Amino acid sequence: MNRREFMQCAALLVSGAGVASVPFSLSAEQEQFLAAADNYNTGEANYFSDAQRRIVAAMAEVIIPRTDTPGAIDAGVPRFIELMVRDWLNDEERAIFEAGLKDIESRIPREFGASFDALDSDSQLAIMETLEEEASSSAWYRFGNVVRDFVSDAPFICQFKELTIHGFFTSERGSTEVLSFNMMPMSFDGDVPLDPGASTWAARIQS
């Protein structure tokens, strides 16, 4: 199973395979993996410390805050990130993520007098923007680089943003309460107009 196939499985397991019909064909290896992983989404996410979980939750909520629609925490994104870091990232990617998270955990209290999760929203946003500025030379930010494989050596903030967005929009709440999902099953229309202010379509159809 290649990394993209594993990511599809992990997204289904973490976000809930019963959310909607799968928008891609599963390989036999993927089907075997899913069949053997019934308890994956109900098992304990035991990779981060409690302090790190609070930081991850706060950072994810900065990226997708709760407004009149669910935020990252509402959609279970922090747990998704923890499981993906534990089970999906390779050793190099995991080392980058861990180093970035530990840096936030240790440096922010020294500079701001409190843990990231205890800061006000303006300070949290400023820190996230600084992380992006520091990572701006990464190929992850290359203009037009929107459909791509995971960039293995991407900086921590890039990994974090990608996992947050992926986790949110493959979750039940993200795909049903933020995206539109009421298109006709077994049909394709390449020119579906959106009402003013309407959200884009989800990649899957509610079952």
C-alpha atoms as a PDB file:
ATOM      1  CA  MET A   1       0.000   0.000   0.000  1.00  0.00           C
ATOM      2  CA  ASN A   2       1.490   3.339  -0.982  1.00  0.00           C
ATOM      3  CA  ARG A   3       1.421   6.430   1.234  1.00  0.00           C
ATOM      4  CA  ARG A   4      -1.555   8.042  -0.538  1.00  0.00           C
ATOM      5  CA  GLU A   5      -3.588   4.836  -0.152  1.00  0.00           C
ATOM      6  CA  PHE A   6      -2.658   4.651   3.530  1.00  0.00           C
ATOM      7  CA  MET A   7      -3.710   8.270   4.002  1.00  0.00           C
ATOM      8  CA  GLN A   8      -7.108   7.458   2.487  1.00  0.00           C
ATOM      9  CA  CYS A   9      -7.514   4.576   4.935  1.00  0.00           C
ATOM     10  CA  ALA A  10      -6.357   6.656   7.882  1.00  0.00           C
ATOM     11  CA  ALA A  11      -8.788   9.423   6.987  1.00  0.00           C
ATOM     12  CA  LEU A  12     -11.651   6.929   6.832  1.00  0.00           C
ATOM     13  CA  LEU A  13     -10.687   5.341  10.128  1.00  0.00           C
ATOM     14  CA  VAL A  14     -10.095   8.535  12.057  1.00  0.00           C
ATOM     15  CA  SER A  15     -13.021  10.463  10.593  1.00  0.00           C
ATOM     16  CA  GLY A  16     -15.458   7.565  10.473  1.00  0.00           C
ATOM     17  CA  ALA A  17     -15.890   5.151   7.586  1.00  0.00           C
ATOM     18  CA  GLY A  18     -19.648   5.345   8.007  1.00  0.00           C
ATOM     19  CA  VAL A  19     -19.831   9.072   7.341  1.00  0.00           C
ATOM     20  CA  ALA A  20     -20.511   8.706   3.651  1.00  0.00           C
ATOM     21  CA  SER A  21     -19.854   6.596   0.621  1.00  0.00           C
ATOM     22  CA  VAL A  22     -16.169   6.405  -0.229  1.00  0.00           C
ATOM     23  CA  PRO A  23     -15.261   8.760  -3.123  1.00  0.00           C
ATOM     24  CA  PHE A  24     -12.549   6.437  -4.472  1.00  0.00           C
ATOM     25  CA  SER A  25     -12.108   2.742  -5.138  1.00  0.00           C
ATOM     26  CA  LEU A  26     -10.353   0.811  -2.412  1.00  0.00           C
ATOM     27  CA  SER A  27      -7.660  -1.669  -3.348  1.00  0.00           C
ATOM     28  CA  ALA A  28      -7.766  -5.193  -1.933  1.00  0.00           C
ATOM     29  CA  GLU A  29      -4.891  -4.274   0.380  1.00  0.00           C
ATOM     30  CA  GLN A  30      -6.804  -1.228   1.640  1.00  0.00           C
ATOM     31  CA  GLU A  31      -9.911  -3.318   2.248  1.00  0.00           C
ATOM     32  CA  GLN A  32      -7.868  -5.832   4.269  1.00  0.00           C
ATOM     33  CA  PHE A  33      -6.281  -2.998   6.256  1.00  0.00           C
ATOM     34  CA  LEU A  34      -9.672  -1.490   7.087  1.00  0.00           C
ATOM     35  CA  ALA A  35     -11.169  -4.860   7.978  1.00  0.00           C
ATOM     36  CA  ALA A  36      -8.349  -5.507  10.443  1.00  0.00           C
ATOM     37  CA  ALA A  37      -8.607  -2.079  12.060  1.00  0.00           C
ATOM     38  CA  ASP A  38     -12.106  -2.067  13.568  1.00  0.00           C
ATOM     39  CA  ASN A  39     -10.887  -0.555  16.842  1.00  0.00           C
ATOM     40  CA  TYR A  40      -8.605   2.082  15.349  1.00  0.00           C
ATOM     41  CA  ASN A  41     -10.979   5.003  15.721  1.00  0.00           C
ATOM     42  CA  THR A  42     -12.109   3.981  19.199  1.00  0.00           C
ATOM     43  CA  GLY A  43      -8.650   3.270  20.598  1.00  0.00           C
ATOM     44  CA  GLU A  44      -6.766   5.682  22.822  1.00  0.00           C
ATOM     45  CA  ALA A  45      -4.691   8.385  21.162  1.00  0.00           C
ATOM     46  CA  ASN A  46      -1.688   8.054  23.447  1.00  0.00           C
ATOM     47  CA  TYR A  47       1.134   9.731  21.557  1.00  0.00           C
ATOM     48  CA  PHE A  48       1.107  13.352  22.777  1.00  0.00           C
ATOM     49  CA  SER A  49       1.366  14.523  26.374  1.00  0.00           C
ATOM     50  CA  ASP A  50      -1.615  16.345  27.899  1.00  0.00           C
ATOM     51  CA  ALA A  51       0.218  19.660  27.519  1.00  0.00           C
ATOM     52  CA  GLN A  52       0.949  18.915  23.856  1.00  0.00           C
ATOM     53  CA  ARG A  53      -2.691  17.990  23.242  1.00  0.00           C
ATOM     54  CA  ARG A  54      -3.794  21.373  24.563  1.00  0.00           C
ATOM     55  CA  ILE A  55      -1.307  23.128  22.269  1.00  0.00           C
ATOM     56  CA  VAL A  56      -2.351  21.078  19.234  1.00  0.00           C
ATOM     57  CA  ALA A  57      -6.023  21.778  19.922  1.00  0.00           C
ATOM     58  CA  ALA A  58      -5.397  25.510  20.280  1.00  0.00           C
ATOM     59  CA  MET A  59      -3.307  25.678  17.101  1.00  0.00           C
ATOM     60  CA  ALA A  60      -5.893  23.739  15.092  1.00  0.00           C
ATOM     61  CA  GLU A  61      -8.616  26.069  16.346  1.00  0.00           C
ATOM     62  CA  VAL A  62      -6.615  29.094  15.165  1.00  0.00           C
ATOM     63  CA  ILE A  63      -6.601  27.601  11.659  1.00  0.00           C
ATOM     64  CA  ILE A  64     -10.303  26.637  11.677  1.00  0.00           C
ATOM     65  CA  PRO A  65     -12.062  28.494  14.497  1.00  0.00           C
ATOM     66  CA  ARG A  66     -15.630  27.888  15.544  1.00  0.00           C
ATOM     67  CA  THR A  67     -17.950  30.538  14.110  1.00  0.00           C
ATOM     68  CA  ASP A  68     -21.482  29.840  12.942  1.00  0.00           C
ATOM     69  CA  THR A  69     -20.041  26.539  11.715  1.00  0.00           C
ATOM     70  CA  PRO A  70     -17.983  23.948  13.644  1.00  0.00           C
ATOM     71  CA  GLY A  71     -14.326  24.570  14.377  1.00  0.00           C
ATOM     72  CA  ALA A  72     -11.399  22.173  14.332  1.00  0.00           C
ATOM     73  CA  ILE A  73     -11.993  21.025  17.908  1.00  0.00           C
ATOM     74  CA  ASP A  74     -15.684  20.371  17.220  1.00  0.00           C
ATOM     75  CA  ALA A  75     -14.706  18.140  14.299  1.00  0.00           C
ATOM     76  CA  GLY A  76     -12.159  16.097  16.289  1.00  0.00           C
ATOM     77  CA  VAL A  77      -9.157  17.437  14.391  1.00  0.00           C
ATOM     78  CA  PRO A  78      -6.705  17.389  17.348  1.00  0.00           C
ATOM     79  CA  ARG A  79      -7.195  13.647  17.795  1.00  0.00           C
ATOM     80  CA  PHE A  80      -6.905  13.143  14.035  1.00  0.00           C
ATOM     81  CA  ILE A  81      -3.544  14.949  14.073  1.00  0.00           C
ATOM     82  CA  GLU A  82      -2.273  12.856  16.974  1.00  0.00           C
ATOM     83  CA  LEU A  83      -3.201   9.578  15.293  1.00  0.00           C
ATOM     84  CA  MET A  84      -1.743  10.657  11.949  1.00  0.00           C
ATOM     85  CA  VAL A  85       1.545  11.747  13.527  1.00  0.00           C
ATOM     86  CA  ARG A  86       1.744   8.468  15.421  1.00  0.00           C
ATOM     87  CA  ASP A  87       0.738   6.114  12.614  1.00  0.00           C
ATOM     88  CA  TRP A  88       1.175   7.825   9.239  1.00  0.00           C
ATOM     89  CA  LEU A  89       4.169  10.162   9.186  1.00  0.00           C
ATOM     90  CA  ASN A  90       7.465   8.496   8.380  1.00  0.00           C
ATOM     91  CA  ASP A  91      10.430   8.854  10.718  1.00  0.00           C
ATOM     92  CA  GLU A  92      11.777  12.007   9.053  1.00  0.00           C
ATOM     93  CA  GLU A  93       8.393  13.725   8.975  1.00  0.00           C
ATOM     94  CA  ARG A  94       7.585  12.700  12.535  1.00  0.00           C
ATOM     95  CA  ALA A  95      10.926  14.077  13.742  1.00  0.00           C
ATOM     96  CA  ILE A  96      10.145  17.443  12.108  1.00  0.00           C
ATOM     97  CA  PHE A  97       6.682  17.525  13.670  1.00  0.00           C
ATOM     98  CA  GLU A  98       7.918  16.533  17.121  1.00  0.00           C
ATOM     99  CA  ALA A  99      10.713  19.111  17.040  1.00  0.00           C
ATOM    100  CA  GLY A 100       8.276  21.836  16.003  1.00  0.00           C
ATOM    101  CA  LEU A 101       5.760  20.922  18.681  1.00  0.00           C
ATOM    102  CA  LYS A 102       8.434  20.741  21.385  1.00  0.00           C
ATOM    103  CA  ASP A 103       9.739  24.139  20.270  1.00  0.00           C
ATOM    104  CA  ILE A 104       6.261  25.640  20.707  1.00  0.00           C
ATOM    105  CA  GLU A 105       5.923  23.869  24.048  1.00  0.00           C
ATOM    106  CA  SER A 106       9.206  25.239  25.440  1.00  0.00           C
ATOM    107  CA  ARG A 107       9.855  28.546  23.640  1.00  0.00           C
ATOM    108  CA  ILE A 108       6.450  30.217  23.823  1.00  0.00           C
ATOM    109  CA  PRO A 109       6.252  30.257  27.645  1.00  0.00           C
ATOM    110  CA  ARG A 110       9.712  31.877  27.765  1.00  0.00           C
ATOM    111  CA  GLU A 111       8.799  34.565  25.251  1.00  0.00           C
ATOM    112  CA  PHE A 112       5.153  35.194  26.138  1.00  0.00           C
ATOM    113  CA  GLY A 113       4.931  34.106  29.769  1.00  0.00           C
ATOM    114  CA  ALA A 114       2.330  31.400  29.160  1.00  0.00           C
ATOM    115  CA  SER A 115       1.731  28.252  27.157  1.00  0.00           C
ATOM    116  CA  PHE A 116       0.377  28.707  23.630  1.00  0.00           C
ATOM    117  CA  ASP A 117      -3.055  27.398  24.623  1.00  0.00           C
ATOM    118  CA  ALA A 118      -3.300  29.952  27.470  1.00  0.00           C
ATOM    119  CA  LEU A 119      -2.575  32.994  25.290  1.00  0.00           C
ATOM    120  CA  ASP A 120      -5.229  35.288  23.832  1.00  0.00           C
ATOM    121  CA  SER A 121      -6.323  34.715  20.252  1.00  0.00           C
ATOM    122  CA  ASP A 122      -4.359  37.681  18.843  1.00  0.00           C
ATOM    123  CA  SER A 123      -1.099  36.368  20.326  1.00  0.00           C
ATOM    124  CA  GLN A 124      -1.799  32.864  19.072  1.00  0.00           C
ATOM    125  CA  LEU A 125      -2.452  34.151  15.560  1.00  0.00           C
ATOM    126  CA  ALA A 126       0.712  36.256  15.606  1.00  0.00           C
ATOM    127  CA  ILE A 127       2.795  33.221  16.606  1.00  0.00           C
ATOM    128  CA  MET A 128       1.264  31.119  13.808  1.00  0.00           C
ATOM    129  CA  GLU A 129       1.953  33.879  11.282  1.00  0.00           C
ATOM    130  CA  THR A 130       5.564  34.085  12.461  1.00  0.00           C
ATOM    131  CA  LEU A 131       5.937  30.332  11.993  1.00  0.00           C
ATOM    132  CA  GLU A 132       4.660  30.725   8.439  1.00  0.00           C
ATOM    133  CA  GLU A 133       7.074  33.551   7.706  1.00  0.00           C
ATOM    134  CA  GLU A 134       9.965  31.435   8.982  1.00  0.00           C
ATOM    135  CA  ALA A 135       8.875  28.549   6.720  1.00  0.00           C
ATOM    136  CA  SER A 136       8.067  30.635   3.644  1.00  0.00           C
ATOM    137  CA  SER A 137      11.041  29.359   1.634  1.00  0.00           C
ATOM    138  CA  SER A 138       9.710  25.781   1.703  1.00  0.00           C
ATOM    139  CA  ALA A 139       8.509  24.221  -1.554  1.00  0.00           C
ATOM    140  CA  TRP A 140       5.218  23.702   0.261  1.00  0.00           C
ATOM    141  CA  TYR A 141       4.441  27.378  -0.422  1.00  0.00           C
ATOM    142  CA  ARG A 142       5.367  27.282  -4.116  1.00  0.00           C
ATOM    143  CA  PHE A 143       2.804  29.204  -6.140  1.00  0.00           C
ATOM    144  CA  GLY A 144       0.147  26.936  -7.630  1.00  0.00           C
ATOM    145  CA  ASN A 145       1.284  23.959  -5.553  1.00  0.00           C
ATOM    146  CA  VAL A 146      -2.251  23.017  -4.506  1.00  0.00           C
ATOM    147  CA  VAL A 147      -2.586  19.421  -5.698  1.00  0.00           C
ATOM    148  CA  ARG A 148       0.464  17.544  -4.518  1.00  0.00           C
ATOM    149  CA  ASP A 149       1.842  14.622  -2.590  1.00  0.00           C
ATOM    150  CA  PHE A 150       2.742  15.275   1.032  1.00  0.00           C
ATOM    151  CA  VAL A 151       6.017  17.253   1.082  1.00  0.00           C
ATOM    152  CA  SER A 152       8.185  15.072   3.321  1.00  0.00           C
ATOM    153  CA  ASP A 153      10.604  17.767   4.449  1.00  0.00           C
ATOM    154  CA  ALA A 154       7.972  20.473   4.901  1.00  0.00           C
ATOM    155  CA  PRO A 155       8.369  22.550   8.067  1.00  0.00           C
ATOM    156  CA  PHE A 156       6.247  21.851  11.129  1.00  0.00           C
ATOM    157  CA  ILE A 157       3.692  24.604  10.442  1.00  0.00           C
ATOM    158  CA  CYS A 158       3.111  23.246   6.927  1.00  0.00           C
ATOM    159  CA  GLN A 159       2.574  19.722   8.227  1.00  0.00           C
ATOM    160  CA  PHE A 160       0.233  21.083  10.867  1.00  0.00           C
ATOM    161  CA  LYS A 161      -1.870  23.090   8.424  1.00  0.00           C
ATOM    162  CA  GLU A 162      -2.165  20.203   5.989  1.00  0.00           C
ATOM    163  CA  LEU A 163      -3.215  17.723   8.673  1.00  0.00           C
ATOM    164  CA  THR A 164      -5.686  20.221  10.131  1.00  0.00           C
ATOM    165  CA  ILE A 165      -7.386  20.935   6.804  1.00  0.00           C
ATOM    166  CA  HIS A 166      -7.420  17.294   5.760  1.00  0.00           C
ATOM    167  CA  GLY A 167      -8.738  16.164   9.138  1.00  0.00           C
ATOM    168  CA  PHE A 168     -11.471  18.792   9.215  1.00  0.00           C
ATOM    169  CA  PHE A 169     -12.866  18.299   5.730  1.00  0.00           C
ATOM    170  CA  THR A 170     -12.847  14.504   5.954  1.00  0.00           C
ATOM    171  CA  SER A 171     -14.658  14.603   9.305  1.00  0.00           C
ATOM    172  CA  GLU A 172     -18.409  14.114   9.524  1.00  0.00           C
ATOM    173  CA  ARG A 173     -19.009  17.641  10.784  1.00  0.00           C
ATOM    174  CA  GLY A 174     -16.670  19.281   8.296  1.00  0.00           C
ATOM    175  CA  SER A 175     -18.064  17.425   5.305  1.00  0.00           C
ATOM    176  CA  THR A 176     -21.739  17.794   6.234  1.00  0.00           C
ATOM    177  CA  GLU A 177     -22.007  21.086   8.142  1.00  0.00           C
ATOM    178  CA  VAL A 178     -19.473  23.187   6.226  1.00  0.00           C
ATOM    179  CA  LEU A 179     -19.365  21.671   2.740  1.00  0.00           C
ATOM    180  CA  SER A 180     -22.466  20.981   0.667  1.00  0.00           C
ATOM    181  CA  PHE A 181     -23.112  17.283   0.176  1.00  0.00           C
ATOM    182  CA  ASN A 182     -26.607  16.937  -1.319  1.00  0.00           C
ATOM    183  CA  MET A 183     -25.709  16.217  -4.921  1.00  0.00           C
ATOM    184  CA  MET A 184     -27.469  13.344  -6.671  1.00  0.00           C
ATOM    185  CA  PRO A 185     -25.821   9.916  -6.165  1.00  0.00           C
ATOM    186  CA  MET A 186     -24.322   8.144  -9.163  1.00  0.00           C
ATOM    187  CA  SER A 187     -24.346  11.282 -11.277  1.00  0.00           C
ATOM    188  CA  PHE A 188     -21.864  13.903 -12.430  1.00  0.00           C
ATOM    189  CA  ASP A 189     -22.510  17.507 -13.340  1.00  0.00           C
ATOM    190  CA  GLY A 190     -19.408  19.541 -14.094  1.00  0.00           C
ATOM    191  CA  ASP A 191     -21.225  22.869 -13.901  1.00  0.00           C
ATOM    192  CA  VAL A 192     -23.155  23.129 -10.635  1.00  0.00           C
ATOM    193  CA  PRO A 193     -23.827  26.762  -9.690  1.00  0.00           C
ATOM    194  CA  LEU A 194     -23.451  27.889  -6.088  1.00  0.00           C
ATOM    195  CA  ASP A 195     -25.743  30.357  -4.416  1.00  0.00           C
ATOM    196  CA  PRO A 196     -24.123  33.607  -3.204  1.00  0.00           C
ATOM    197  CA  GLY A 197     -22.195  32.852  -0.024  1.00  0.00           C
ATOM    198  CA  ALA A 198     -22.685  29.087  -0.382  1.00  0.00           C
ATOM    199  CA  SER A 199     -19.888  26.679   0.476  1.00  0.00           C
ATOM    200  CA  THR A 200     -18.202  24.441  -2.049  1.00  0.00           C
ATOM    201  CA  TRP A 201     -19.207  20.821  -2.555  1.00  0.00           C
ATOM    202  CA  ALA A 202     -17.927  17.985  -0.389  1.00  0.00           C
ATOM    203  CA  ALA A 203     -15.979  15.226  -2.116  1.00  0.00           C
ATOM    204  CA  ARG A 204     -18.346  12.601  -0.770  1.00  0.00           C
ATOM    205  CA  ILE A 205     -22.100  12.122  -0.663  1.00  0.00           C
ATOM    206  CA  GLN A 206     -23.933  11.538   2.606  1.00  0.00           C
ATOM    207  CA  SER A 207     -25.262   7.987   2.804  1.00  0.00           C
END
